[in-house]
């Protein structure tokens, strides 16, 4: 399978219908600093929940 190239018109055709929040989430979840921070936060959380500090640090908010 060829590697995805975001600059290629063929690779980016499907992005035209994507929501910006989905694109932002994909970028964030592939960030190694985010991955490390998430794993550390979960390991240190007594109930395994995402903390408010983590949400603020990474600009994550969830709709009610």
PDB file of N, CA and C in Angstrom:
ATOM      1  N   UNK A   1       0.847  -1.183   0.000  1.00  0.00           N
ATOM      2  CA  UNK A   1       0.000   0.000   0.000  1.00  0.00           C
ATOM      3  C   UNK A   1       0.888   1.240   0.000  1.00  0.00           C
ATOM      4  N   UNK A   2       0.644   2.179  -0.918  1.00  0.00           N
ATOM      5  CA  UNK A   2       1.464   3.391  -0.950  1.00  0.00           C
ATOM      6  C   UNK A   2       1.216   4.263   0.267  1.00  0.00           C
ATOM      7  N   UNK A   3       2.253   5.001   0.641  1.00  0.00           N
ATOM      8  CA  UNK A   3       2.140   5.900   1.787  1.00  0.00           C
ATOM      9  C   UNK A   3       1.262   7.102   1.416  1.00  0.00           C
ATOM     10  N   UNK A   4       0.466   7.566   2.371  1.00  0.00           N
ATOM     11  CA  UNK A   4      -0.400   8.721   2.143  1.00  0.00           C
ATOM     12  C   UNK A   4       0.463   9.968   1.997  1.00  0.00           C
ATOM     13  N   UNK A   5       0.233  10.739   0.970  1.00  0.00           N
ATOM     14  CA  UNK A   5       0.938  11.999   0.743  1.00  0.00           C
ATOM     15  C   UNK A   5      -0.095  13.112   0.728  1.00  0.00           C
ATOM     16  N   UNK A   6      -0.137  13.908   1.774  1.00  0.00           N
ATOM     17  CA  UNK A   6      -1.158  14.950   1.906  1.00  0.00           C
ATOM     18  C   UNK A   6      -1.072  16.001   0.801  1.00  0.00           C
ATOM     19  N   UNK A   7       0.075  16.078   0.121  1.00  0.00           N
ATOM     20  CA  UNK A   7       0.229  17.061  -0.956  1.00  0.00           C
ATOM     21  C   UNK A   7      -0.307  16.555  -2.291  1.00  0.00           C
ATOM     22  N   UNK A   8      -0.554  15.258  -2.379  1.00  0.00           N
ATOM     23  CA  UNK A   8      -1.004  14.672  -3.631  1.00  0.00           C
ATOM     24  C   UNK A   8      -2.498  14.910  -3.837  1.00  0.00           C
ATOM     25  N   UNK A   9      -2.885  15.421  -5.021  1.00  0.00           N
ATOM     26  CA  UNK A   9      -4.324  15.613  -5.295  1.00  0.00           C
ATOM     27  C   UNK A   9      -5.116  14.310  -5.181  1.00  0.00           C
ATOM     28  N   UNK A  10      -4.524  13.190  -5.582  1.00  0.00           N
ATOM     29  CA  UNK A  10      -5.224  11.906  -5.494  1.00  0.00           C
ATOM     30  C   UNK A  10      -5.441  11.473  -4.043  1.00  0.00           C
ATOM     31  N   UNK A  11      -4.443  11.699  -3.198  1.00  0.00           N
ATOM     32  CA  UNK A  11      -4.551  11.295  -1.793  1.00  0.00           C
ATOM     33  C   UNK A  11      -5.517  12.161  -1.012  1.00  0.00           C
ATOM     34  N   UNK A  12      -5.662  13.406  -1.415  1.00  0.00           N
ATOM     35  CA  UNK A  12      -6.488  14.324  -0.622  1.00  0.00           C
ATOM     36  C   UNK A  12      -7.918  14.468  -1.118  1.00  0.00           C
ATOM     37  N   UNK A  13      -8.324  13.723  -2.135  1.00  0.00           N
ATOM     38  CA  UNK A  13      -9.690  13.836  -2.657  1.00  0.00           C
ATOM     39  C   UNK A  13     -10.746  13.598  -1.585  1.00  0.00           C
ATOM     40  N   UNK A  14     -10.549  12.597  -0.736  1.00  0.00           N
ATOM     41  CA  UNK A  14     -11.526  12.264   0.287  1.00  0.00           C
ATOM     42  C   UNK A  14     -11.604  13.264   1.419  1.00  0.00           C
ATOM     43  N   UNK A  15     -10.643  14.153   1.508  1.00  0.00           N
ATOM     44  CA  UNK A  15     -10.640  15.120   2.602  1.00  0.00           C
ATOM     45  C   UNK A  15     -11.639  16.251   2.391  1.00  0.00           C
ATOM     46  N   UNK A  16     -12.115  16.422   1.177  1.00  0.00           N
ATOM     47  CA  UNK A  16     -13.051  17.506   0.888  1.00  0.00           C
ATOM     48  C   UNK A  16     -14.339  17.420   1.673  1.00  0.00           C
ATOM     49  N   UNK A  17     -14.756  16.225   2.044  1.00  0.00           N
ATOM     50  CA  UNK A  17     -15.998  16.029   2.790  1.00  0.00           C
ATOM     51  C   UNK A  17     -15.774  15.830   4.285  1.00  0.00           C
ATOM     52  N   UNK A  18     -14.517  15.841   4.698  1.00  0.00           N
ATOM     53  CA  UNK A  18     -14.205  15.593   6.109  1.00  0.00           C
ATOM     54  C   UNK A  18     -14.479  16.837   6.943  1.00  0.00           C
ATOM     55  N   UNK A  19     -14.899  16.610   8.173  1.00  0.00           N
ATOM     56  CA  UNK A  19     -15.088  17.725   9.103  1.00  0.00           C
ATOM     57  C   UNK A  19     -13.733  18.126   9.660  1.00  0.00           C
ATOM     58  N   UNK A  20     -13.550  19.410   9.898  1.00  0.00           N
ATOM     59  CA  UNK A  20     -12.276  19.912  10.398  1.00  0.00           C
ATOM     60  C   UNK A  20     -11.904  19.282  11.733  1.00  0.00           C
ATOM     61  N   UNK A  21     -12.906  18.967  12.559  1.00  0.00           N
ATOM     62  CA  UNK A  21     -12.607  18.348  13.848  1.00  0.00           C
ATOM     63  C   UNK A  21     -12.029  16.946  13.669  1.00  0.00           C
ATOM     64  N   UNK A  22     -12.467  16.235  12.642  1.00  0.00           N
ATOM     65  CA  UNK A  22     -11.921  14.898  12.383  1.00  0.00           C
ATOM     66  C   UNK A  22     -10.484  14.989  11.900  1.00  0.00           C
ATOM     67  N   UNK A  23     -10.217  15.964  11.060  1.00  0.00           N
ATOM     68  CA  UNK A  23      -8.846  16.159  10.573  1.00  0.00           C
ATOM     69  C   UNK A  23      -7.940  16.561  11.736  1.00  0.00           C
ATOM     70  N   UNK A  24      -8.419  17.464  12.582  1.00  0.00           N
ATOM     71  CA  UNK A  24      -7.637  17.909  13.739  1.00  0.00           C
ATOM     72  C   UNK A  24      -7.365  16.740  14.680  1.00  0.00           C
ATOM     73  N   UNK A  25      -8.364  15.904  14.917  1.00  0.00           N
ATOM     74  CA  UNK A  25      -8.184  14.758  15.795  1.00  0.00           C
ATOM     75  C   UNK A  25      -7.138  13.797  15.245  1.00  0.00           C
ATOM     76  N   UNK A  26      -7.169  13.535  13.949  1.00  0.00           N
ATOM     77  CA  UNK A  26      -6.186  12.643  13.339  1.00  0.00           C
ATOM     78  C   UNK A  26      -4.777  13.194  13.506  1.00  0.00           C
ATOM     79  N   UNK A  27      -4.626  14.494  13.320  1.00  0.00           N
ATOM     80  CA  UNK A  27      -3.317  15.109  13.508  1.00  0.00           C
ATOM     81  C   UNK A  27      -2.848  15.012  14.949  1.00  0.00           C
ATOM     82  N   UNK A  28      -3.752  15.264  15.883  1.00  0.00           N
ATOM     83  CA  UNK A  28      -3.402  15.209  17.299  1.00  0.00           C
ATOM     84  C   UNK A  28      -3.054  13.799  17.733  1.00  0.00           C
ATOM     85  N   UNK A  29      -3.851  12.828  17.367  1.00  0.00           N
ATOM     86  CA  UNK A  29      -3.608  11.468  17.855  1.00  0.00           C
ATOM     87  C   UNK A  29      -2.336  10.853  17.281  1.00  0.00           C
ATOM     88  N   UNK A  30      -1.809  11.406  16.191  1.00  0.00           N
ATOM     89  CA  UNK A  30      -0.546  10.912  15.633  1.00  0.00           C
ATOM     90  C   UNK A  30       0.666  11.653  16.205  1.00  0.00           C
ATOM     91  N   UNK A  31       0.416  12.670  17.017  1.00  0.00           N
ATOM     92  CA  UNK A  31       1.490  13.452  17.629  1.00  0.00           C
ATOM     93  C   UNK A  31       2.127  12.633  18.756  1.00  0.00           C
ATOM     94  N   UNK A  32       3.440  12.361  18.661  1.00  0.00           N
ATOM     95  CA  UNK A  32       4.099  11.511  19.658  1.00  0.00           C
ATOM     96  C   UNK A  32       4.110  12.142  21.039  1.00  0.00           C
ATOM     97  N   UNK A  33       4.167  13.477  21.113  1.00  0.00           N
ATOM     98  CA  UNK A  33       4.103  14.134  22.423  1.00  0.00           C
ATOM     99  C   UNK A  33       2.737  13.941  23.065  1.00  0.00           C
ATOM    100  N   UNK A  34       1.688  14.031  22.258  1.00  0.00           N
ATOM    101  CA  UNK A  34       0.337  13.783  22.760  1.00  0.00           C
ATOM    102  C   UNK A  34       0.207  12.331  23.237  1.00  0.00           C
ATOM    103  N   UNK A  35       0.702  11.393  22.445  1.00  0.00           N
ATOM    104  CA  UNK A  35       0.623   9.971  22.806  1.00  0.00           C
ATOM    105  C   UNK A  35       1.308   9.712  24.141  1.00  0.00           C
ATOM    106  N   UNK A  36       2.507  10.266  24.301  1.00  0.00           N
ATOM    107  CA  UNK A  36       3.251  10.074  25.542  1.00  0.00           C
ATOM    108  C   UNK A  36       2.502  10.699  26.710  1.00  0.00           C
ATOM    109  N   UNK A  37       2.011  11.920  26.522  1.00  0.00           N
ATOM    110  CA  UNK A  37       1.288  12.623  27.579  1.00  0.00           C
ATOM    111  C   UNK A  37       0.018  11.868  27.960  1.00  0.00           C
ATOM    112  N   UNK A  38      -0.694  11.345  26.961  1.00  0.00           N
ATOM    113  CA  UNK A  38      -1.922  10.594  27.219  1.00  0.00           C
ATOM    114  C   UNK A  38      -1.627   9.330  28.022  1.00  0.00           C
ATOM    115  N   UNK A  39      -0.640   8.560  27.577  1.00  0.00           N
ATOM    116  CA  UNK A  39      -0.290   7.322  28.281  1.00  0.00           C
ATOM    117  C   UNK A  39       0.140   7.592  29.720  1.00  0.00           C
ATOM    118  N   UNK A  40       0.919   8.649  29.913  1.00  0.00           N
ATOM    119  CA  UNK A  40       1.358   9.026  31.257  1.00  0.00           C
ATOM    120  C   UNK A  40       0.177   9.437  32.125  1.00  0.00           C
ATOM    121  N   UNK A  41      -0.726  10.242  31.562  1.00  0.00           N
ATOM    122  CA  UNK A  41      -1.888  10.714  32.309  1.00  0.00           C
ATOM    123  C   UNK A  41      -2.776   9.545  32.721  1.00  0.00           C
ATOM    124  N   UNK A  42      -3.052   8.632  31.789  1.00  0.00           N
ATOM    125  CA  UNK A  42      -3.906   7.476  32.097  1.00  0.00           C
ATOM    126  C   UNK A  42      -3.253   6.577  33.153  1.00  0.00           C
ATOM    127  N   UNK A  43      -1.946   6.370  33.035  1.00  0.00           N
ATOM    128  CA  UNK A  43      -1.239   5.528  34.001  1.00  0.00           C
ATOM    129  C   UNK A  43      -1.275   6.121  35.403  1.00  0.00           C
ATOM    130  N   UNK A  44      -1.315   7.454  35.493  1.00  0.00           N
ATOM    131  CA  UNK A  44      -1.309   8.121  36.800  1.00  0.00           C
ATOM    132  C   UNK A  44      -2.695   8.514  37.292  1.00  0.00           C
ATOM    133  N   UNK A  45      -3.722   8.243  36.517  1.00  0.00           N
ATOM    134  CA  UNK A  45      -5.086   8.591  36.904  1.00  0.00           C
ATOM    135  C   UNK A  45      -5.690   7.427  37.688  1.00  0.00           C
ATOM    136  N   UNK A  46      -6.159   7.688  38.899  1.00  0.00           N
ATOM    137  CA  UNK A  46      -6.702   6.589  39.711  1.00  0.00           C
ATOM    138  C   UNK A  46      -7.896   5.884  39.070  1.00  0.00           C
ATOM    139  N   UNK A  47      -8.696   6.598  38.307  1.00  0.00           N
ATOM    140  CA  UNK A  47      -9.879   5.979  37.693  1.00  0.00           C
ATOM    141  C   UNK A  47      -9.757   5.862  36.176  1.00  0.00           C
ATOM    142  N   UNK A  48      -8.570   6.176  35.628  1.00  0.00           N
ATOM    143  CA  UNK A  48      -8.342   6.039  34.197  1.00  0.00           C
ATOM    144  C   UNK A  48      -9.080   7.039  33.335  1.00  0.00           C
ATOM    145  N   UNK A  49      -9.480   8.158  33.917  1.00  0.00           N
ATOM    146  CA  UNK A  49     -10.217   9.179  33.162  1.00  0.00           C
ATOM    147  C   UNK A  49      -9.295  10.303  32.723  1.00  0.00           C
ATOM    148  N   UNK A  50      -9.692  10.968  31.649  1.00  0.00           N
ATOM    149  CA  UNK A  50      -8.956  12.117  31.145  1.00  0.00           C
ATOM    150  C   UNK A  50      -9.163  13.288  32.095  1.00  0.00           C
ATOM    151  N   UNK A  51      -8.073  13.932  32.469  1.00  0.00           N
ATOM    152  CA  UNK A  51      -8.164  15.034  33.431  1.00  0.00           C
ATOM    153  C   UNK A  51      -8.446  16.357  32.732  1.00  0.00           C
ATOM    154  N   UNK A  52      -8.960  17.294  33.496  1.00  0.00           N
ATOM    155  CA  UNK A  52      -9.228  18.640  32.977  1.00  0.00           C
ATOM    156  C   UNK A  52      -7.927  19.303  32.539  1.00  0.00           C
ATOM    157  N   UNK A  53      -6.863  19.104  33.290  1.00  0.00           N
ATOM    158  CA  UNK A  53      -5.554  19.672  32.939  1.00  0.00           C
ATOM    159  C   UNK A  53      -5.093  19.166  31.567  1.00  0.00           C
ATOM    160  N   UNK A  54      -5.274  17.874  31.319  1.00  0.00           N
ATOM    161  CA  UNK A  54      -4.907  17.285  30.040  1.00  0.00           C
ATOM    162  C   UNK A  54      -5.731  17.897  28.912  1.00  0.00           C
ATOM    163  N   UNK A  55      -7.013  18.020  29.130  1.00  0.00           N
ATOM    164  CA  UNK A  55      -7.891  18.614  28.109  1.00  0.00           C
ATOM    165  C   UNK A  55      -7.460  20.033  27.759  1.00  0.00           C
ATOM    166  N   UNK A  56      -7.149  20.812  28.788  1.00  0.00           N
ATOM    167  CA  UNK A  56      -6.723  22.195  28.549  1.00  0.00           C
ATOM    168  C   UNK A  56      -5.388  22.247  27.816  1.00  0.00           C
ATOM    169  N   UNK A  57      -4.455  21.403  28.239  1.00  0.00           N
ATOM    170  CA  UNK A  57      -3.123  21.396  27.638  1.00  0.00           C
ATOM    171  C   UNK A  57      -3.189  21.119  26.147  1.00  0.00           C
ATOM    172  N   UNK A  58      -4.062  20.194  25.757  1.00  0.00           N
ATOM    173  CA  UNK A  58      -4.133  19.783  24.355  1.00  0.00           C
ATOM    174  C   UNK A  58      -5.303  20.411  23.605  1.00  0.00           C
ATOM    175  N   UNK A  59      -6.067  21.269  24.252  1.00  0.00           N
ATOM    176  CA  UNK A  59      -7.162  21.967  23.586  1.00  0.00           C
ATOM    177  C   UNK A  59      -8.303  21.046  23.197  1.00  0.00           C
ATOM    178  N   UNK A  60      -8.545  20.053  24.044  1.00  0.00           N
ATOM    179  CA  UNK A  60      -9.592  19.082  23.753  1.00  0.00           C
ATOM    180  C   UNK A  60     -10.849  19.443  24.527  1.00  0.00           C
ATOM    181  N   UNK A  61     -11.967  19.509  23.826  1.00  0.00           N
ATOM    182  CA  UNK A  61     -13.244  19.718  24.495  1.00  0.00           C
ATOM    183  C   UNK A  61     -14.249  18.758  23.878  1.00  0.00           C
ATOM    184  N   UNK A  62     -15.208  18.389  24.667  1.00  0.00           N
ATOM    185  CA  UNK A  62     -16.219  17.439  24.211  1.00  0.00           C
ATOM    186  C   UNK A  62     -17.584  18.078  24.329  1.00  0.00           C
ATOM    187  N   UNK A  63     -18.376  17.876  23.320  1.00  0.00           N
ATOM    188  CA  UNK A  63     -19.751  18.392  23.364  1.00  0.00           C
ATOM    189  C   UNK A  63     -20.567  17.554  24.336  1.00  0.00           C
ATOM    190  N   UNK A  64     -21.468  18.223  25.077  1.00  0.00           N
ATOM    191  CA  UNK A  64     -22.316  17.454  26.015  1.00  0.00           C
ATOM    192  C   UNK A  64     -23.277  16.536  25.290  1.00  0.00           C
TER     193      UNK A  64
END
